[in-house]
Protein backbone atom coordinates (compact mmCIF):
# COMPACT_ATOMS: atom_id res chain seq x y z
CA MET A 1 28.99 105.59 -158.36
CA LYS A 2 27.01 102.64 -157.08
CA LEU A 3 24.70 103.11 -154.16
CA PHE A 4 23.82 100.26 -151.90
CA PRO A 5 20.54 101.15 -150.20
CA PHE A 6 20.42 97.98 -148.15
CA ARG A 7 24.05 97.91 -147.21
CA ARG A 8 24.68 98.21 -143.52
CA SER A 9 27.22 100.72 -142.39
CA ARG A 10 30.38 99.28 -140.95
CA ARG A 11 30.46 99.06 -137.20
CA ASN A 12 32.79 101.44 -135.45
CA PRO A 13 34.89 99.46 -132.95
CA SER A 14 35.34 102.60 -130.83
CA ILE A 15 31.58 102.93 -130.44
CA ASP A 16 31.25 99.27 -129.51
CA ALA A 17 34.06 99.69 -126.96
CA LEU A 18 32.50 102.81 -125.41
CA TYR A 19 29.07 101.24 -125.23
CA GLY A 20 30.53 98.05 -123.78
CA MET A 21 32.22 100.08 -121.03
CA ILE A 22 28.95 101.89 -120.27
CA VAL A 23 27.11 98.58 -119.91
CA ALA A 24 29.92 97.03 -117.85
CA GLN A 25 29.97 100.01 -115.48
CA ALA A 26 26.17 99.97 -115.20
CA ARG A 27 26.35 96.29 -114.19
CA SER A 28 28.89 96.92 -111.42
CA PRO A 29 27.66 95.04 -108.34
CA ALA A 30 28.61 98.03 -106.18
CA PHE A 31 25.58 99.97 -107.39
CA TYR A 32 23.20 97.19 -106.36
CA ARG A 33 24.88 96.27 -103.07
CA GLY A 34 26.33 99.54 -101.82
CA TYR A 35 23.99 102.13 -103.30
CA GLY A 36 20.72 100.26 -103.07
CA VAL A 37 19.90 100.48 -106.78
CA PRO A 38 17.20 97.85 -107.40
CA ASP A 39 18.76 94.79 -109.01
CA THR A 40 15.96 94.52 -111.56
CA VAL A 41 15.62 95.02 -115.30
CA GLU A 42 14.44 98.57 -114.61
CA GLY A 43 17.29 99.28 -112.18
CA ARG A 44 19.90 98.07 -114.64
CA PHE A 45 18.22 100.01 -117.44
CA ASP A 46 18.38 103.17 -115.33
CA MET A 47 22.07 102.65 -114.68
CA ILE A 48 22.75 102.30 -118.42
CA LEU A 49 20.78 105.49 -119.05
CA LEU A 50 22.70 107.30 -116.31
CA HIS A 51 26.11 106.38 -117.74
CA LEU A 52 25.03 107.02 -121.32
CA ALA A 53 23.69 110.44 -120.32
CA LEU A 54 26.99 111.30 -118.60
CA LEU A 55 29.05 110.38 -121.64
CA LEU A 56 26.75 112.07 -124.15
CA ARG A 57 26.81 115.19 -121.95
CA ARG A 58 30.59 115.20 -122.10
CA LEU A 59 30.56 114.74 -125.88
CA ARG A 60 28.11 117.63 -126.32
CA GLU A 61 30.27 119.90 -124.17
CA THR A 62 33.31 119.20 -126.34
CA ALA A 63 31.64 118.94 -129.74
CA SER A 64 34.35 121.02 -131.40
CA GLU A 65 37.16 118.72 -130.22
CA GLY A 66 38.79 115.91 -132.11
CA PRO A 67 39.17 114.95 -135.73
CA MET A 68 36.16 112.65 -135.72
CA GLY A 69 33.82 115.24 -134.27
CA GLN A 70 32.49 114.49 -130.82
CA GLU A 71 28.88 115.23 -131.80
CA HIS A 72 29.03 112.56 -134.51
CA LEU A 73 30.51 110.17 -131.96
CA GLY A 74 27.60 110.90 -129.62
CA GLN A 75 25.05 110.14 -132.33
CA GLU A 76 26.74 106.85 -133.18
CA LEU A 77 26.81 105.95 -129.49
CA PHE A 78 23.10 106.72 -129.08
CA ASP A 79 22.33 104.68 -132.21
CA ARG A 80 24.29 101.77 -130.73
CA PHE A 81 22.26 102.04 -127.52
CA CYS A 82 19.02 101.97 -129.55
CA ARG A 83 20.12 98.87 -131.47
CA ASP A 84 20.93 97.16 -128.18
CA MET A 85 17.53 98.03 -126.66
CA ASP A 86 15.73 96.89 -129.82
CA GLY A 87 17.61 93.59 -129.74
CA ASN A 88 16.88 93.11 -126.04
CA PHE A 89 13.16 93.63 -126.57
CA ARG A 90 13.15 91.07 -129.36
CA GLU A 91 15.08 88.57 -127.21
CA MET A 92 12.50 89.04 -124.44
CA GLY A 93 9.78 88.09 -126.90
CA VAL A 94 8.31 91.52 -127.59
CA GLY A 95 6.53 91.29 -130.94
CA ASP A 96 7.55 93.22 -134.02
CA LEU A 97 4.51 95.49 -133.79
CA ALA A 98 5.15 96.37 -130.14
CA VAL A 99 8.90 97.11 -130.45
CA PRO A 100 8.46 100.63 -131.89
CA LYS A 101 6.15 101.58 -129.01
CA ARG A 102 8.68 100.24 -126.50
CA MET A 103 11.49 102.10 -128.25
CA LEU A 104 9.49 105.32 -128.00
CA GLN A 105 9.19 104.70 -124.24
CA VAL A 106 12.96 104.13 -124.05
CA ALA A 107 13.62 107.41 -125.89
CA GLU A 108 11.23 109.31 -123.61
CA ALA A 109 12.88 107.80 -120.54
CA PHE A 110 16.35 108.66 -121.78
CA TYR A 111 15.59 112.24 -122.79
CA GLY A 112 13.63 112.98 -119.61
CA ARG A 113 16.35 111.63 -117.34
CA ALA A 114 19.18 113.19 -119.32
CA ALA A 115 17.51 116.62 -119.19
CA ALA A 116 16.97 116.39 -115.42
CA TYR A 117 20.54 115.20 -114.80
CA ASP A 118 22.05 117.82 -117.13
CA GLN A 119 20.10 120.64 -115.54
CA ALA A 120 21.13 119.62 -112.03
CA LEU A 121 24.77 119.06 -112.98
CA ASP A 122 25.00 122.29 -114.98
CA GLY A 123 23.50 124.28 -112.12
CA GLY A 124 25.56 122.56 -109.43
CA ASP A 125 22.28 121.71 -107.71
CA ALA A 126 22.99 118.67 -105.53
CA ALA A 127 19.44 118.58 -104.15
CA ALA A 128 17.90 118.56 -107.65
CA LEU A 129 20.25 115.78 -108.77
CA GLU A 130 19.42 113.71 -105.68
CA ALA A 131 15.71 114.28 -106.24
CA ALA A 132 15.96 113.24 -109.91
CA LEU A 133 17.88 110.10 -108.98
CA GLY A 134 15.48 109.34 -106.14
CA ARG A 135 12.54 109.60 -108.54
CA ASN A 136 14.08 107.79 -111.51
CA VAL A 137 16.35 105.15 -110.03
CA PHE A 138 14.89 104.56 -106.58
CA GLY A 139 11.19 105.12 -107.27
CA GLY A 140 10.93 107.97 -104.78
CA GLY A 141 12.84 106.30 -101.94
CA ALA A 142 16.39 105.48 -100.83
CA ALA A 143 17.51 109.02 -100.00
CA LEU A 144 20.95 107.85 -98.89
CA GLY A 145 21.40 105.82 -102.09
CA ALA A 146 20.33 108.81 -104.20
CA ARG A 147 22.77 111.06 -102.32
CA ARG A 148 25.64 108.63 -102.87
CA LEU A 149 24.71 108.11 -106.52
CA ALA A 150 24.60 111.91 -107.01
CA THR A 151 28.11 112.11 -105.56
CA TYR A 152 29.20 109.38 -107.97
CA MET A 153 27.63 111.24 -110.92
CA ARG A 154 29.41 114.48 -110.04
CA GLN A 155 32.73 112.63 -109.77
CA ALA A 156 32.09 110.86 -113.07
CA ALA A 157 31.18 114.13 -114.84
CA THR A 158 34.33 115.78 -113.50
CA GLY A 159 36.47 112.83 -114.59
CA LEU A 160 34.90 112.64 -118.03
CA ALA A 161 35.53 116.35 -118.60
CA VAL A 162 39.29 115.82 -118.62
CA GLN A 163 39.43 112.53 -120.53
CA ASP A 164 40.73 112.32 -124.03
CA GLY A 165 40.79 109.29 -126.25
CA LEU A 166 37.03 108.86 -126.45
CA ALA A 167 37.18 108.71 -130.25
CA ARG A 168 39.58 105.77 -129.82
CA GLY A 169 37.13 104.00 -127.51
CA GLU A 170 38.98 104.83 -124.29
CA LEU A 171 36.75 105.58 -121.32
CA ARG A 172 37.16 105.56 -117.56
CA PHE A 173 34.44 105.89 -114.94
CA PRO A 174 35.19 106.23 -111.22
CA ASP A 175 35.19 103.14 -109.06
CA PRO A 176 31.73 103.14 -107.44
CA ASP A 177 33.15 101.41 -104.35
CA ALA A 178 35.57 104.32 -103.84
CA VAL A 179 32.83 106.96 -103.68
CA VAL A 180 32.57 108.15 -100.11
CA GLU A 181 29.05 108.31 -98.81
CA PRO A 182 28.28 111.89 -97.81
CA SER A 183 27.35 112.48 -94.20
CA GLU A 184 23.67 113.04 -93.43
CA GLY A 185 23.91 116.82 -92.97
CA ALA A 186 26.55 117.51 -95.62
CA ARG A 187 25.62 118.76 -99.05
CA GLN A 188 28.06 118.85 -101.91
CA PRO A 189 27.99 121.51 -104.60
């Protein structure tokens, strides 16, 4: 048996499709116009992290499903995200020696946000989810935007829970324009 230590693994078209849908959803103008997400590199980065965290959460919850193994799919998806971030840093002119440090910051940002979002979603704690979004996406402000984004996240998590076809690269997120802004006094579970 010949081993090829420098051979790149073949790209999984399903992973590319899923990641492409995450990025496309994160770039939806509705988030920047209707929710007040800052239309900056950081704002767009946070929206990618949010959608990636939602999908990886779903894959963890259903790790025993599917012939491909959802956990393996999640790892491939996270690896694809890391390759994209690495490539973006290099395109922006970040030097080879600085890229690993930046990637460590990306990983810390992802894991911190994902843990906060998971904890709030798992506990049905709307206030904690809004607070995490306010802190991470809105820099401590935009309470109404954080409330609406929390509503969107809950709808997306509910929708992802019943989706099949992820291993085939099929993914649907809710339409952010269709998310009804909660009234000032109303709290959703």
